[in-house]
Protein backbone atom coordinates (compact mmCIF):
# COMPACT_ATOMS: atom_id res chain seq x y z
CA MET A 1 115.84 113.65 84.07
CA SER A 2 118.45 111.39 82.52
CA PRO A 3 121.25 112.66 80.27
CA GLU A 4 119.59 110.85 77.35
CA GLN A 5 116.34 112.72 77.96
CA ASN A 6 118.27 116.01 78.13
CA ARG A 7 119.95 115.30 74.80
CA HIS A 8 116.59 114.44 73.24
CA LEU A 9 115.03 117.69 74.46
CA ALA A 10 118.03 119.71 73.26
CA ALA A 11 117.85 118.02 69.86
CA ASN A 12 114.20 119.03 69.60
CA GLY A 13 115.06 122.70 70.05
CA GLN A 14 113.59 123.00 73.52
CA THR A 15 116.45 124.90 75.13
CA VAL A 16 116.37 127.53 77.86
CA LEU A 17 119.62 129.36 78.54
CA VAL A 18 120.20 130.52 82.11
CA LEU A 19 122.81 133.27 82.31
CA ASP A 20 124.48 133.34 85.69
CA PHE A 21 125.18 136.81 87.10
CA GLY A 22 126.15 135.43 90.50
CA SER A 23 122.84 134.26 91.89
CA GLN A 24 122.81 131.55 94.52
CA TYR A 25 119.67 130.15 92.86
CA THR A 26 120.97 129.62 89.33
CA GLN A 27 121.27 125.83 89.60
CA LEU A 28 117.87 125.61 91.30
CA ILE A 29 116.27 127.57 88.46
CA ALA A 30 117.86 125.26 85.87
CA ARG A 31 116.70 122.18 87.78
CA ARG A 32 113.12 123.47 88.00
CA ILE A 33 113.11 124.07 84.25
CA ARG A 34 114.33 120.51 83.64
CA GLU A 35 111.60 119.18 85.91
CA GLN A 36 109.14 120.65 83.38
CA SER A 37 110.75 118.47 80.67
CA VAL A 38 112.56 121.41 79.11
CA TYR A 39 116.30 121.28 78.51
CA SER A 40 118.22 124.04 80.28
CA VAL A 41 121.86 125.00 80.25
CA VAL A 42 123.71 127.39 82.56
CA HIS A 43 126.45 129.71 81.30
CA PRO A 44 128.21 132.68 82.88
CA PHE A 45 126.88 136.14 82.00
CA ASP A 46 129.86 136.82 79.72
CA VAL A 47 129.33 133.82 77.44
CA PRO A 48 130.35 134.68 73.86
CA ILE A 49 127.44 135.60 71.60
CA ASP A 50 128.55 132.92 69.11
CA ARG A 51 127.91 130.26 71.78
CA VAL A 52 124.44 131.68 72.45
CA ARG A 53 123.64 131.63 68.76
CA ALA A 54 124.87 128.03 68.49
CA LEU A 55 122.53 127.02 71.32
CA ALA A 56 119.61 128.85 69.67
CA PRO A 57 117.66 129.01 72.94
CA GLN A 58 113.93 129.58 72.90
CA ALA A 59 114.29 131.60 76.10
CA ILE A 60 116.99 133.26 78.19
CA ILE A 61 116.76 133.70 81.95
CA PHE A 62 119.02 136.24 83.65
CA SER A 63 119.84 134.93 87.12
CA GLY A 64 121.22 137.84 89.12
CA GLY A 65 123.02 138.13 92.36
CA PRO A 66 122.91 140.54 95.25
CA GLN A 67 125.29 143.02 93.61
CA SER A 68 123.57 146.27 92.63
CA VAL A 69 122.99 146.85 88.95
CA TYR A 70 124.11 150.41 89.57
CA ALA A 71 127.53 149.48 91.03
CA ASP A 72 130.61 150.41 89.02
CA ALA A 73 131.68 146.78 88.73
CA ALA A 74 128.23 145.34 88.04
CA PRO A 75 128.34 142.40 85.60
CA ILE A 76 127.09 143.16 82.09
CA CYS A 77 126.29 140.74 79.29
CA SER A 78 126.74 141.40 75.60
CA ARG A 79 124.38 144.01 74.16
CA GLU A 80 123.57 141.51 71.40
CA ILE A 81 121.92 139.24 73.95
């Protein structure tokens, strides 16, 4: 998909946000979404909530890594998300 097509899809409100929690498949997930003619954007799990609101995504995908969700240092996103 060309950058122009991506901008057109984003302008039409067809945005999927992929939050990256360390997965090795994050970019693959975003690419597969784009192949379905849906704009996707990848941000780290700790993206500010204001940025998420500005994107106004129709969907959010949490792309996790191998780290346990029960580990003391497990990544956590904003509760508002």
